[in-house]
PDB file of N, CA and C in Angstrom:
ATOM      1  N   MET A   1       1.046  -1.223  -0.078  1.00  0.00           N
ATOM      2  CA  MET A   1       0.048  -0.079  -0.042  1.00  0.00           C
ATOM      3  C   MET A   1       0.643   1.122  -0.318  1.00  0.00           C
ATOM      4  N   LYS A   2       2.093   1.071   0.619  1.00  0.00           N
ATOM      5  CA  LYS A   2       2.807   2.336   1.171  1.00  0.00           C
ATOM      6  C   LYS A   2       3.436   2.624  -0.917  1.00  0.00           C
ATOM      7  N   ASN A   3       3.670   1.927  -1.087  1.00  0.00           N
ATOM      8  CA  ASN A   3       4.279   1.689  -2.147  1.00  0.00           C
ATOM      9  C   ASN A   3       3.350   2.562  -3.546  1.00  0.00           C
ATOM     10  N   LYS A   4       1.851   2.505  -3.437  1.00  0.00           N
ATOM     11  CA  LYS A   4       1.116   2.471  -4.042  1.00  0.00           C
ATOM     12  C   LYS A   4       0.940   4.240  -4.016  1.00  0.00           C
ATOM     13  N   VAL A   5       0.852   4.530  -2.987  1.00  0.00           N
ATOM     14  CA  VAL A   5       0.759   5.942  -2.185  1.00  0.00           C
ATOM     15  C   VAL A   5       1.694   6.625  -2.920  1.00  0.00           C
ATOM     16  N   SER A   6       2.943   6.170  -3.006  1.00  0.00           N
ATOM     17  CA  SER A   6       4.100   6.633  -2.926  1.00  0.00           C
ATOM     18  C   SER A   6       3.857   6.919  -4.764  1.00  0.00           C
ATOM     19  N   PHE A   7       3.968   6.045  -5.160  1.00  0.00           N
ATOM     20  CA  PHE A   7       3.648   6.079  -6.687  1.00  0.00           C
ATOM     21  C   PHE A   7       2.619   6.957  -7.327  1.00  0.00           C
ATOM     22  N   VAL A   8       1.555   7.182  -6.586  1.00  0.00           N
ATOM     23  CA  VAL A   8       0.509   8.404  -6.865  1.00  0.00           C
ATOM     24  C   VAL A   8       1.273   9.473  -6.609  1.00  0.00           C
ATOM     25  N   ILE A   9       1.892   9.643  -5.820  1.00  0.00           N
ATOM     26  CA  ILE A   9       2.401  11.095  -5.373  1.00  0.00           C
ATOM     27  C   ILE A   9       3.298  11.217  -6.542  1.00  0.00           C
ATOM     28  N   LEU A  10       4.296  10.646  -6.503  1.00  0.00           N
ATOM     29  CA  LEU A  10       5.202  10.785  -7.446  1.00  0.00           C
ATOM     30  C   LEU A  10       4.573  11.341  -8.718  1.00  0.00           C
ATOM     31  N   ILE A  11       3.124  10.309  -9.409  1.00  0.00           N
ATOM     32  CA  ILE A  11       2.875  10.713 -10.586  1.00  0.00           C
ATOM     33  C   ILE A  11       1.895  11.949 -10.405  1.00  0.00           C
ATOM     34  N   CYS A  12       1.612  12.532  -9.422  1.00  0.00           N
ATOM     35  CA  CYS A  12       1.481  14.048  -9.396  1.00  0.00           C
ATOM     36  C   CYS A  12       1.967  15.208  -9.545  1.00  0.00           C
ATOM     37  N   PHE A  13       3.056  14.255  -8.848  1.00  0.00           N
ATOM     38  CA  PHE A  13       4.425  15.646  -8.899  1.00  0.00           C
ATOM     39  C   PHE A  13       4.349  15.781 -10.373  1.00  0.00           C
ATOM     40  N   CYS A  14       4.989  14.838 -11.158  1.00  0.00           N
ATOM     41  CA  CYS A  14       5.726  14.776 -12.277  1.00  0.00           C
ATOM     42  C   CYS A  14       4.942  15.218 -13.524  1.00  0.00           C
ATOM     43  N   ALA A  15       3.661  15.098 -12.992  1.00  0.00           N
ATOM     44  CA  ALA A  15       2.338  16.007 -13.621  1.00  0.00           C
ATOM     45  C   ALA A  15       2.655  17.645 -13.613  1.00  0.00           C
ATOM     46  N   ILE A  16       2.644  17.756 -12.414  1.00  0.00           N
ATOM     47  CA  ILE A  16       2.830  19.509 -11.728  1.00  0.00           C
ATOM     48  C   ILE A  16       4.089  19.523 -12.630  1.00  0.00           C
ATOM     49  N   VAL A  17       4.789  19.503 -12.449  1.00  0.00           N
ATOM     50  CA  VAL A  17       6.163  19.869 -12.884  1.00  0.00           C
ATOM     51  C   VAL A  17       6.348  19.880 -14.346  1.00  0.00           C
ATOM     52  N   ALA A  18       5.541  18.777 -15.117  1.00  0.00           N
ATOM     53  CA  ALA A  18       5.453  18.906 -16.649  1.00  0.00           C
ATOM     54  C   ALA A  18       4.237  19.897 -17.470  1.00  0.00           C
ATOM     55  N   CYS A  19       3.374  20.545 -16.138  1.00  0.00           N
ATOM     56  CA  CYS A  19       2.784  21.222 -16.853  1.00  0.00           C
ATOM     57  C   CYS A  19       3.075  22.746 -16.408  1.00  0.00           C
ATOM     58  N   GLN A  20       4.301  23.466 -15.838  1.00  0.00           N
ATOM     59  CA  GLN A  20       4.914  24.451 -15.622  1.00  0.00           C
ATOM     60  C   GLN A  20       5.726  24.621 -16.456  1.00  0.00           C
ATOM     61  N   LYS A  21       6.047  25.873 -16.919  1.00  0.00           N
ATOM     62  CA  LYS A  21       6.955  26.277 -18.314  1.00  0.00           C
ATOM     63  C   LYS A  21       8.733  26.255 -17.399  1.00  0.00           C
ATOM     64  N   ASP A  22       9.222  25.807 -18.533  1.00  0.00           N
ATOM     65  CA  ASP A  22      10.671  25.741 -18.210  1.00  0.00           C
ATOM     66  C   ASP A  22      10.892  27.047 -17.177  1.00  0.00           C
ATOM     67  N   PRO A  23      12.196  27.280 -16.129  1.00  0.00           N
ATOM     68  CA  PRO A  23      12.016  28.295 -15.569  1.00  0.00           C
ATOM     69  C   PRO A  23      13.109  28.911 -16.291  1.00  0.00           C
ATOM     70  N   ARG A  24      13.472  28.536 -17.269  1.00  0.00           N
ATOM     71  CA  ARG A  24      15.129  29.311 -17.148  1.00  0.00           C
ATOM     72  C   ARG A  24      14.579  30.141 -18.536  1.00  0.00           C
ATOM     73  N   TYR A  25      13.390  30.295 -18.711  1.00  0.00           N
ATOM     74  CA  TYR A  25      13.251  30.960 -19.872  1.00  0.00           C
ATOM     75  C   TYR A  25      11.775  32.539 -19.197  1.00  0.00           C
ATOM     76  N   LEU A  26      12.085  33.646 -19.724  1.00  0.00           N
ATOM     77  CA  LEU A  26      11.560  34.304 -19.031  1.00  0.00           C
ATOM     78  C   LEU A  26      10.087  34.343 -19.861  1.00  0.00           C
ATOM     79  N   GLY A  27       9.902  33.974 -21.307  1.00  0.00           N
ATOM     80  CA  GLY A  27       8.461  33.651 -21.794  1.00  0.00           C
ATOM     81  C   GLY A  27       8.179  35.030 -22.100  1.00  0.00           C
ATOM     82  N   LYS A  28       7.223  35.399 -22.733  1.00  0.00           N
ATOM     83  CA  LYS A  28       6.841  36.489 -23.466  1.00  0.00           C
ATOM     84  C   LYS A  28       6.016  37.378 -22.532  1.00  0.00           C
ATOM     85  N   GLU A  29       4.961  36.849 -22.378  1.00  0.00           N
ATOM     86  CA  GLU A  29       4.304  37.489 -21.179  1.00  0.00           C
ATOM     87  C   GLU A  29       5.115  38.127 -20.230  1.00  0.00           C
ATOM     88  N   ARG A  30       6.114  37.632 -19.435  1.00  0.00           N
ATOM     89  CA  ARG A  30       7.076  38.322 -18.561  1.00  0.00           C
ATOM     90  C   ARG A  30       7.757  38.935 -18.901  1.00  0.00           C
ATOM     91  N   ALA A  31       7.972  38.709 -20.241  1.00  0.00           N
ATOM     92  CA  ALA A  31       9.081  39.918 -21.001  1.00  0.00           C
ATOM     93  C   ALA A  31       8.535  40.981 -21.145  1.00  0.00           C
ATOM     94  N   GLN A  32       7.201  40.949 -21.653  1.00  0.00           N
ATOM     95  CA  GLN A  32       6.267  42.292 -21.954  1.00  0.00           C
ATOM     96  C   GLN A  32       5.876  42.933 -20.834  1.00  0.00           C
ATOM     97  N   LYS A  33       5.722  42.474 -19.984  1.00  0.00           N
ATOM     98  CA  LYS A  33       5.780  43.267 -18.498  1.00  0.00           C
ATOM     99  C   LYS A  33       6.981  43.886 -17.931  1.00  0.00           C
ATOM    100  N   ARG A  34       8.135  42.972 -18.077  1.00  0.00           N
ATOM    101  CA  ARG A  34       9.543  43.784 -17.839  1.00  0.00           C
ATOM    102  C   ARG A  34       9.860  44.859 -18.659  1.00  0.00           C
ATOM    103  N   LEU A  35       9.242  44.917 -20.175  1.00  0.00           N
ATOM    104  CA  LEU A  35       9.886  46.126 -21.154  1.00  0.00           C
ATOM    105  C   LEU A  35       8.769  47.219 -20.550  1.00  0.00           C
ATOM    106  N   GLU A  36       7.015  47.107 -20.581  1.00  0.00           N
ATOM    107  CA  GLU A  36       6.310  47.737 -19.714  1.00  0.00           C
ATOM    108  C   GLU A  36       7.434  48.718 -18.538  1.00  0.00           C
ATOM    109  N   LYS A  37       7.641  48.008 -17.659  1.00  0.00           N
ATOM    110  CA  LYS A  37       8.342  48.002 -16.611  1.00  0.00           C
ATOM    111  C   LYS A  37       9.258  49.442 -17.057  1.00  0.00           C
ATOM    112  N   ILE A  38       9.888  48.821 -17.295  1.00  0.00           N
ATOM    113  CA  ILE A  38      11.385  49.998 -17.858  1.00  0.00           C
ATOM    114  C   ILE A  38      11.374  50.779 -18.597  1.00  0.00           C
ATOM    115  N   LEU A  39      10.049  50.794 -19.203  1.00  0.00           N
ATOM    116  CA  LEU A  39      10.021  51.896 -20.522  1.00  0.00           C
ATOM    117  C   LEU A  39       8.954  52.755 -19.222  1.00  0.00           C
ATOM    118  N   SER A  40       8.396  52.132 -18.648  1.00  0.00           N
ATOM    119  CA  SER A  40       7.264  53.678 -17.909  1.00  0.00           C
ATOM    120  C   SER A  40       8.449  54.306 -16.469  1.00  0.00           C
ATOM    121  N   ASP A  41       9.445  53.567 -16.244  1.00  0.00           N
ATOM    122  CA  ASP A  41      10.186  53.965 -14.792  1.00  0.00           C
ATOM    123  C   ASP A  41      11.199  54.844 -15.611  1.00  0.00           C
ATOM    124  N   THR A  42      10.831  56.507 -15.417  1.00  0.00           N
ATOM    125  CA  THR A  42      12.246  57.402 -15.746  1.00  0.00           C
ATOM    126  C   THR A  42      13.192  57.254 -15.161  1.00  0.00           C
ATOM    127  N   SER A  43      13.000  56.712 -13.854  1.00  0.00           N
ATOM    128  CA  SER A  43      14.310  56.958 -13.275  1.00  0.00           C
ATOM    129  C   SER A  43      15.886  56.015 -13.996  1.00  0.00           C
ATOM    130  N   TYR A  44      14.971  54.866 -14.307  1.00  0.00           N
ATOM    131  CA  TYR A  44      15.756  53.519 -14.874  1.00  0.00           C
ATOM    132  C   TYR A  44      17.048  53.893 -15.786  1.00  0.00           C
ATOM    133  N   VAL A  45      18.111  53.957 -15.745  1.00  0.00           N
ATOM    134  CA  VAL A  45      19.233  54.207 -16.927  1.00  0.00           C
ATOM    135  C   VAL A  45      19.684  53.298 -17.385  1.00  0.00           C
ATOM    136  N   LEU A  46      19.346  53.689 -18.712  1.00  0.00           N
ATOM    137  CA  LEU A  46      19.989  52.494 -19.468  1.00  0.00           C
ATOM    138  C   LEU A  46      21.365  52.070 -19.811  1.00  0.00           C
ATOM    139  N   ILE A  47      22.103  52.891 -19.784  1.00  0.00           N
ATOM    140  CA  ILE A  47      23.706  53.033 -20.343  1.00  0.00           C
ATOM    141  C   ILE A  47      24.283  53.890 -19.150  1.00  0.00           C
ATOM    142  N   ARG A  48      24.992  52.990 -18.643  1.00  0.00           N
ATOM    143  CA  ARG A  48      26.050  53.372 -17.534  1.00  0.00           C
ATOM    144  C   ARG A  48      27.483  54.016 -17.976  1.00  0.00           C
ATOM    145  N   GLY A  49      28.028  54.722 -18.134  1.00  0.00           N
ATOM    146  CA  GLY A  49      28.997  54.992 -18.567  1.00  0.00           C
ATOM    147  C   GLY A  49      29.328  56.021 -20.096  1.00  0.00           C
ATOM    148  N   ASP A  50      30.028  56.207 -20.797  1.00  0.00           N
ATOM    149  CA  ASP A  50      30.183  57.481 -21.921  1.00  0.00           C
ATOM    150  C   ASP A  50      29.321  56.784 -22.796  1.00  0.00           C
ATOM    151  N   THR A  51      30.119  55.507 -23.748  1.00  0.00           N
ATOM    152  CA  THR A  51      29.633  55.305 -24.639  1.00  0.00           C
ATOM    153  C   THR A  51      29.153  53.933 -24.594  1.00  0.00           C
ATOM    154  N   LEU A  52      28.605  53.690 -25.599  1.00  0.00           N
ATOM    155  CA  LEU A  52      27.647  51.735 -25.397  1.00  0.00           C
ATOM    156  C   LEU A  52      28.897  51.163 -26.817  1.00  0.00           C
ATOM    157  N   ILE A  53      28.685  51.863 -27.979  1.00  0.00           N
ATOM    158  CA  ILE A  53      29.445  51.532 -29.058  1.00  0.00           C
ATOM    159  C   ILE A  53      30.672  52.036 -28.878  1.00  0.00           C
ATOM    160  N   LYS A  54      32.080  51.343 -28.785  1.00  0.00           N
ATOM    161  CA  LYS A  54      33.080  52.691 -28.458  1.00  0.00           C
ATOM    162  C   LYS A  54      33.981  52.109 -29.702  1.00  0.00           C
ATOM    163  N   ASN A  55      33.686  50.819 -30.545  1.00  0.00           N
ATOM    164  CA  ASN A  55      34.978  51.150 -31.513  1.00  0.00           C
ATOM    165  C   ASN A  55      34.234  50.919 -32.807  1.00  0.00           C
ATOM    166  N   GLU A  56      34.970  50.833 -34.010  1.00  0.00           N
ATOM    167  CA  GLU A  56      34.962  50.788 -35.448  1.00  0.00           C
ATOM    168  C   GLU A  56      34.752  49.463 -35.914  1.00  0.00           C
ATOM    169  N   LYS A  57      34.720  48.292 -35.343  1.00  0.00           N
ATOM    170  CA  LYS A  57      34.013  46.776 -35.595  1.00  0.00           C
ATOM    171  C   LYS A  57      33.022  46.806 -34.837  1.00  0.00           C
ATOM    172  N   SER A  58      32.344  47.390 -33.593  1.00  0.00           N
ATOM    173  CA  SER A  58      31.037  46.939 -33.232  1.00  0.00           C
ATOM    174  C   SER A  58      30.243  47.885 -34.156  1.00  0.00           C
ATOM    175  N   ALA A  59      31.009  48.630 -34.253  1.00  0.00           N
ATOM    176  CA  ALA A  59      29.702  49.673 -35.281  1.00  0.00           C
ATOM    177  C   ALA A  59      29.499  49.477 -36.028  1.00  0.00           C
ATOM    178  N   ILE A  60      30.029  48.769 -37.158  1.00  0.00           N
ATOM    179  CA  ILE A  60      29.671  47.830 -38.260  1.00  0.00           C
ATOM    180  C   ILE A  60      29.220  46.845 -38.208  1.00  0.00           C
ATOM    181  N   THR A  61      29.058  46.103 -36.982  1.00  0.00           N
ATOM    182  CA  THR A  61      28.749  44.600 -36.782  1.00  0.00           C
ATOM    183  C   THR A  61      27.290  44.958 -36.481  1.00  0.00           C
ATOM    184  N   ILE A  62      26.825  46.178 -35.878  1.00  0.00           N
ATOM    185  CA  ILE A  62      25.722  46.387 -35.855  1.00  0.00           C
ATOM    186  C   ILE A  62      24.650  47.170 -36.977  1.00  0.00           C
ATOM    187  N   ALA A  63      25.392  47.938 -37.772  1.00  0.00           N
ATOM    188  CA  ALA A  63      24.994  48.583 -38.465  1.00  0.00           C
ATOM    189  C   ALA A  63      24.997  47.114 -39.769  1.00  0.00           C
ATOM    190  N   GLU A  64      25.620  46.452 -40.379  1.00  0.00           N
ATOM    191  CA  GLU A  64      25.370  45.284 -41.007  1.00  0.00           C
ATOM    192  C   GLU A  64      24.303  44.361 -40.531  1.00  0.00           C
ATOM    193  N   ALA A  65      24.136  44.288 -39.168  1.00  0.00           N
ATOM    194  CA  ALA A  65      22.618  43.473 -38.777  1.00  0.00           C
ATOM    195  C   ALA A  65      21.447  44.080 -39.681  1.00  0.00           C
ATOM    196  N   ALA A  66      21.278  45.423 -39.438  1.00  0.00           N
ATOM    197  CA  ALA A  66      20.098  45.979 -39.966  1.00  0.00           C
ATOM    198  C   ALA A  66      20.264  46.323 -41.596  1.00  0.00           C
ATOM    199  N   LEU A  67      21.256  46.190 -42.091  1.00  0.00           N
ATOM    200  CA  LEU A  67      21.479  46.240 -43.339  1.00  0.00           C
ATOM    201  C   LEU A  67      21.254  44.833 -44.562  1.00  0.00           C
ATOM    202  N   PHE A  68      21.705  44.292 -43.458  1.00  0.00           N
ATOM    203  CA  PHE A  68      21.506  42.752 -44.125  1.00  0.00           C
ATOM    204  C   PHE A  68      19.871  42.845 -44.195  1.00  0.00           C
ATOM    205  N   GLU A  69      19.383  43.047 -43.289  1.00  0.00           N
ATOM    206  CA  GLU A  69      17.727  42.833 -43.462  1.00  0.00           C
ATOM    207  C   GLU A  69      17.314  43.814 -44.138  1.00  0.00           C
ATOM    208  N   PHE A  70      17.609  44.657 -44.952  1.00  0.00           N
ATOM    209  CA  PHE A  70      16.790  45.609 -45.148  1.00  0.00           C
ATOM    210  C   PHE A  70      17.132  45.695 -46.960  1.00  0.00           C
ATOM    211  N   TYR A  71      18.260  45.355 -47.288  1.00  0.00           N
ATOM    212  CA  TYR A  71      19.079  45.375 -48.375  1.00  0.00           C
ATOM    213  C   TYR A  71      19.082  44.504 -49.071  1.00  0.00           C
ATOM    214  N   GLY A  72      19.551  43.133 -47.775  1.00  0.00           N
ATOM    215  CA  GLY A  72      20.212  41.957 -48.474  1.00  0.00           C
ATOM    216  C   GLY A  72      21.919  41.935 -48.170  1.00  0.00           C
ATOM    217  N   GLU A  73      22.500  40.647 -47.695  1.00  0.00           N
ATOM    218  CA  GLU A  73      23.657  41.117 -47.317  1.00  0.00           C
ATOM    219  C   GLU A  73      25.077  40.571 -48.420  1.00  0.00           C
ATOM    220  N   ASP A  74      24.487  40.005 -49.782  1.00  0.00           N
ATOM    221  CA  ASP A  74      25.027  40.370 -50.772  1.00  0.00           C
ATOM    222  C   ASP A  74      25.396  41.926 -51.077  1.00  0.00           C
ATOM    223  N   LYS A  75      24.113  42.402 -51.120  1.00  0.00           N
ATOM    224  CA  LYS A  75      24.275  43.952 -51.719  1.00  0.00           C
ATOM    225  C   LYS A  75      24.986  44.875 -50.996  1.00  0.00           C
ATOM    226  N   ILE A  76      24.831  44.666 -49.567  1.00  0.00           N
ATOM    227  CA  ILE A  76      25.887  45.292 -48.710  1.00  0.00           C
ATOM    228  C   ILE A  76      27.622  45.011 -48.651  1.00  0.00           C
ATOM    229  N   ARG A  77      27.194  43.801 -48.910  1.00  0.00           N
ATOM    230  CA  ARG A  77      28.921  42.975 -48.700  1.00  0.00           C
ATOM    231  C   ARG A  77      29.236  43.591 -49.988  1.00  0.00           C
ATOM    232  N   SER A  78      28.853  43.820 -51.394  1.00  0.00           N
ATOM    233  CA  SER A  78      29.376  44.335 -52.190  1.00  0.00           C
ATOM    234  C   SER A  78      29.750  45.642 -51.972  1.00  0.00           C
ATOM    235  N   GLU A  79      29.467  46.457 -51.253  1.00  0.00           N
ATOM    236  CA  GLU A  79      29.961  47.972 -50.903  1.00  0.00           C
ATOM    237  C   GLU A  79      30.960  47.761 -50.053  1.00  0.00           C
ATOM    238  N   GLN A  80      31.591  46.789 -49.893  1.00  0.00           N
ATOM    239  CA  GLN A  80      33.234  47.260 -48.770  1.00  0.00           C
ATOM    240  C   GLN A  80      34.432  47.318 -50.034  1.00  0.00           C
ATOM    241  N   PRO A  81      34.920  48.541 -48.807  1.00  0.00           N
ATOM    242  CA  PRO A  81      35.749  48.442 -47.784  1.00  0.00           C
ATOM    243  C   PRO A  81      34.126  49.012 -47.267  1.00  0.00           C
ATOM    244  N   TYR A  82      33.874  49.511 -45.828  1.00  0.00           N
ATOM    245  CA  TYR A  82      33.087  50.235 -45.445  1.00  0.00           C
ATOM    246  C   TYR A  82      34.032  51.733 -44.794  1.00  0.00           C
ATOM    247  N   GLU A  83      33.093  52.501 -44.981  1.00  0.00           N
ATOM    248  CA  GLU A  83      34.044  53.751 -44.242  1.00  0.00           C
ATOM    249  C   GLU A  83      33.144  53.933 -42.815  1.00  0.00           C
ATOM    250  N   ALA A  84      33.469  54.087 -41.337  1.00  0.00           N
ATOM    251  CA  ALA A  84      33.353  54.265 -40.458  1.00  0.00           C
ATOM    252  C   ALA A  84      34.255  55.372 -39.552  1.00  0.00           C
ATOM    253  N   TYR A  85      33.266  56.154 -39.267  1.00  0.00           N
ATOM    254  CA  TYR A  85      33.982  57.254 -38.573  1.00  0.00           C
ATOM    255  C   TYR A  85      33.096  57.727 -37.180  1.00  0.00           C
ATOM    256  N   LEU A  86      33.564  57.834 -36.056  1.00  0.00           N
ATOM    257  CA  LEU A  86      32.986  58.448 -35.153  1.00  0.00           C
ATOM    258  C   LEU A  86      33.305  59.768 -34.928  1.00  0.00           C
ATOM    259  N   ILE A  87      32.080  60.659 -34.999  1.00  0.00           N
ATOM    260  CA  ILE A  87      32.150  62.002 -34.945  1.00  0.00           C
ATOM    261  C   ILE A  87      30.821  62.610 -33.831  1.00  0.00           C
ATOM    262  N   ASN A  88      31.707  63.350 -32.736  1.00  0.00           N
ATOM    263  CA  ASN A  88      30.624  64.527 -32.256  1.00  0.00           C
ATOM    264  C   ASN A  88      29.682  63.201 -31.569  1.00  0.00           C
ATOM    265  N   GLY A  89      30.215  61.868 -31.187  1.00  0.00           N
ATOM    266  CA  GLY A  89      28.996  61.182 -30.403  1.00  0.00           C
ATOM    267  C   GLY A  89      27.921  60.172 -31.483  1.00  0.00           C
ATOM    268  N   TYR A  90      28.739  59.936 -32.671  1.00  0.00           N
ATOM    269  CA  TYR A  90      27.436  59.523 -33.415  1.00  0.00           C
ATOM    270  C   TYR A  90      28.678  58.543 -34.623  1.00  0.00           C
ATOM    271  N   TRP A  91      28.380  57.423 -35.315  1.00  0.00           N
ATOM    272  CA  TRP A  91      29.273  56.702 -35.953  1.00  0.00           C
ATOM    273  C   TRP A  91      28.620  56.549 -37.366  1.00  0.00           C
ATOM    274  N   VAL A  92      28.897  57.340 -37.873  1.00  0.00           N
ATOM    275  CA  VAL A  92      29.140  57.536 -39.689  1.00  0.00           C
ATOM    276  C   VAL A  92      29.311  56.483 -40.243  1.00  0.00           C
ATOM    277  N   ILE A  93      28.531  55.491 -41.124  1.00  0.00           N
ATOM    278  CA  ILE A  93      28.857  54.250 -41.748  1.00  0.00           C
ATOM    279  C   ILE A  93      28.412  54.409 -43.304  1.00  0.00           C
ATOM    280  N   ASN A  94      29.294  54.564 -43.948  1.00  0.00           N
ATOM    281  CA  ASN A  94      29.105  54.501 -45.390  1.00  0.00           C
ATOM    282  C   ASN A  94      29.546  53.140 -46.436  1.00  0.00           C
ATOM    283  N   GLY A  95      29.182  52.874 -47.214  1.00  0.00           N
ATOM    284  CA  GLY A  95      29.988  51.694 -48.376  1.00  0.00           C
ATOM    285  C   GLY A  95      30.780  52.279 -49.037  1.00  0.00           C
ATOM    286  N   THR A  96      31.535  51.725 -49.887  1.00  0.00           N
ATOM    287  CA  THR A  96      32.147  52.076 -51.255  1.00  0.00           C
ATOM    288  C   THR A  96      31.591  51.556 -52.298  1.00  0.00           C
ATOM    289  N   LEU A  97      31.819  52.091 -53.594  1.00  0.00           N
ATOM    290  CA  LEU A  97      31.678  51.402 -54.974  1.00  0.00           C
ATOM    291  C   LEU A  97      32.997  51.484 -55.347  1.00  0.00           C
ATOM    292  N   PRO A  98      32.821  50.137 -56.220  1.00  0.00           N
ATOM    293  CA  PRO A  98      34.729  50.441 -57.557  1.00  0.00           C
ATOM    294  C   PRO A  98      34.824  51.452 -57.987  1.00  0.00           C
ATOM    295  N   LYS A  99      35.376  52.055 -58.199  1.00  0.00           N
ATOM    296  CA  LYS A  99      36.178  53.459 -59.108  1.00  0.00           C
ATOM    297  C   LYS A  99      35.514  52.855 -60.400  1.00  0.00           C
ATOM    298  N   GLY A 100      34.646  53.779 -60.799  1.00  0.00           N
ATOM    299  CA  GLY A 100      34.216  53.682 -62.122  1.00  0.00           C
ATOM    300  C   GLY A 100      32.693  53.572 -62.254  1.00  0.00           C
ATOM    301  N   ALA A 101      32.437  52.929 -60.919  1.00  0.00           N
ATOM    302  CA  ALA A 101      30.885  52.013 -60.474  1.00  0.00           C
ATOM    303  C   ALA A 101      29.795  52.725 -60.709  1.00  0.00           C
ATOM    304  N   ASP A 102      28.691  53.202 -61.314  1.00  0.00           N
ATOM    305  CA  ASP A 102      27.384  53.650 -60.936  1.00  0.00           C
ATOM    306  C   ASP A 102      26.617  53.325 -60.152  1.00  0.00           C
ATOM    307  N   GLY A 103      26.361  54.289 -59.286  1.00  0.00           N
ATOM    308  CA  GLY A 103      24.592  53.541 -58.012  1.00  0.00           C
ATOM    309  C   GLY A 103      25.435  54.187 -56.844  1.00  0.00           C
ATOM    310  N   GLY A 104      24.830  53.861 -56.032  1.00  0.00           N
ATOM    311  CA  GLY A 104      24.715  54.540 -54.739  1.00  0.00           C
ATOM    312  C   GLY A 104      25.655  53.668 -53.635  1.00  0.00           C
ATOM    313  N   THR A 105      25.413  54.111 -52.482  1.00  0.00           N
ATOM    314  CA  THR A 105      25.274  53.345 -51.105  1.00  0.00           C
ATOM    315  C   THR A 105      25.034  53.684 -50.001  1.00  0.00           C
ATOM    316  N   PHE A 106      24.923  52.494 -49.250  1.00  0.00           N
ATOM    317  CA  PHE A 106      24.231  53.067 -48.147  1.00  0.00           C
ATOM    318  C   PHE A 106      25.125  53.611 -47.139  1.00  0.00           C
ATOM    319  N   GLU A 107      24.024  54.786 -46.177  1.00  0.00           N
ATOM    320  CA  GLU A 107      25.021  55.316 -45.490  1.00  0.00           C
ATOM    321  C   GLU A 107      23.712  55.259 -44.286  1.00  0.00           C
ATOM    322  N   VAL A 108      24.867  54.939 -42.849  1.00  0.00           N
ATOM    323  CA  VAL A 108      23.964  54.455 -41.437  1.00  0.00           C
ATOM    324  C   VAL A 108      24.564  55.571 -40.397  1.00  0.00           C
ATOM    325  N   VAL A 109      23.948  56.026 -39.649  1.00  0.00           N
ATOM    326  CA  VAL A 109      24.030  56.471 -38.372  1.00  0.00           C
ATOM    327  C   VAL A 109      23.747  56.424 -37.092  1.00  0.00           C
ATOM    328  N   ILE A 110      24.563  56.050 -36.315  1.00  0.00           N
ATOM    329  CA  ILE A 110      24.237  55.235 -35.436  1.00  0.00           C
ATOM    330  C   ILE A 110      24.713  56.356 -33.801  1.00  0.00           C
ATOM    331  N   ASN A 111      23.681  56.706 -32.944  1.00  0.00           N
ATOM    332  CA  ASN A 111      24.219  57.317 -31.796  1.00  0.00           C
ATOM    333  C   ASN A 111      25.144  56.411 -31.095  1.00  0.00           C
ATOM    334  N   ALA A 112      26.273  56.570 -30.708  1.00  0.00           N
ATOM    335  CA  ALA A 112      27.585  55.882 -29.958  1.00  0.00           C
ATOM    336  C   ALA A 112      26.991  55.705 -28.441  1.00  0.00           C
ATOM    337  N   MET A 113      26.156  56.461 -28.145  1.00  0.00           N
ATOM    338  CA  MET A 113      26.108  56.494 -26.526  1.00  0.00           C
ATOM    339  C   MET A 113      25.149  55.129 -26.421  1.00  0.00           C
ATOM    340  N   ASP A 114      23.893  55.240 -26.980  1.00  0.00           N
ATOM    341  CA  ASP A 114      22.411  54.353 -27.012  1.00  0.00           C
ATOM    342  C   ASP A 114      22.731  53.323 -27.943  1.00  0.00           C
ATOM    343  N   GLY A 115      23.085  53.251 -28.987  1.00  0.00           N
ATOM    344  CA  GLY A 115      23.310  52.944 -30.173  1.00  0.00           C
ATOM    345  C   GLY A 115      21.699  52.647 -31.009  1.00  0.00           C
ATOM    346  N   ARG A 116      21.281  54.068 -30.830  1.00  0.00           N
ATOM    347  CA  ARG A 116      20.162  54.009 -31.580  1.00  0.00           C
ATOM    348  C   ARG A 116      20.422  54.391 -33.185  1.00  0.00           C
ATOM    349  N   PHE A 117      19.547  53.887 -34.170  1.00  0.00           N
ATOM    350  CA  PHE A 117      20.099  54.482 -35.524  1.00  0.00           C
ATOM    351  C   PHE A 117      19.393  55.645 -35.566  1.00  0.00           C
ATOM    352  N   VAL A 118      20.012  56.802 -36.188  1.00  0.00           N
ATOM    353  CA  VAL A 118      19.469  58.062 -36.842  1.00  0.00           C
ATOM    354  C   VAL A 118      19.045  57.664 -38.084  1.00  0.00           C
ATOM    355  N   GLN A 119      19.986  57.285 -38.791  1.00  0.00           N
ATOM    356  CA  GLN A 119      19.574  56.915 -40.413  1.00  0.00           C
ATOM    357  C   GLN A 119      20.238  56.122 -40.181  1.00  0.00           C
ATOM    358  N   LEU A 120      19.348  55.226 -41.533  1.00  0.00           N
ATOM    359  CA  LEU A 120      19.865  54.325 -42.433  1.00  0.00           C
ATOM    360  C   LEU A 120      19.095  53.907 -43.496  1.00  0.00           C
ATOM    361  N   GLY A 121      20.050  54.357 -44.588  1.00  0.00           N
ATOM    362  CA  GLY A 121      19.230  54.399 -46.401  1.00  0.00           C
ATOM    363  C   GLY A 121      20.348  54.002 -46.971  1.00  0.00           C
ATOM    364  N   HIS A 122      20.007  54.031 -47.904  1.00  0.00           N
ATOM    365  CA  HIS A 122      20.582  53.829 -49.157  1.00  0.00           C
ATOM    366  C   HIS A 122      20.489  54.408 -50.739  1.00  0.00           C
ATOM    367  N   SER A 123      21.592  55.011 -51.406  1.00  0.00           N
ATOM    368  CA  SER A 123      21.179  56.364 -52.231  1.00  0.00           C
ATOM    369  C   SER A 123      21.581  55.251 -53.220  1.00  0.00           C
ATOM    370  N   ARG A 124      20.777  56.327 -54.548  1.00  0.00           N
ATOM    371  CA  ARG A 124      20.970  55.536 -55.923  1.00  0.00           C
ATOM    372  C   ARG A 124      22.222  56.063 -57.172  1.00  0.00           C
TER     373      ARG A 124
END
């Protein structure tokens, strides 16, 4: 009898555990609530320090992620080498064209402090 009770308790415990969400993951609902709290809390400091994007390699990686989505990886990579300059707290990143080629290149401006895109475009 004792074994049957232990077995039933074990089965019930397993069923309860199986119905719970994996605790390793936040879940979309909790993530949404967290986002709402962060956005509504005006005292929340997003960045501590002077600059989030401190070097050219990081700036280009961030720019490429967005550019690949909008214009396609092949098109953007064909505009290498890129030019990237940190000017007054903004990364200004442009593609280049081969000498004598017609067309335009991408232009991205990213706020170095917080990583926000100020400009993302492509000329013709």
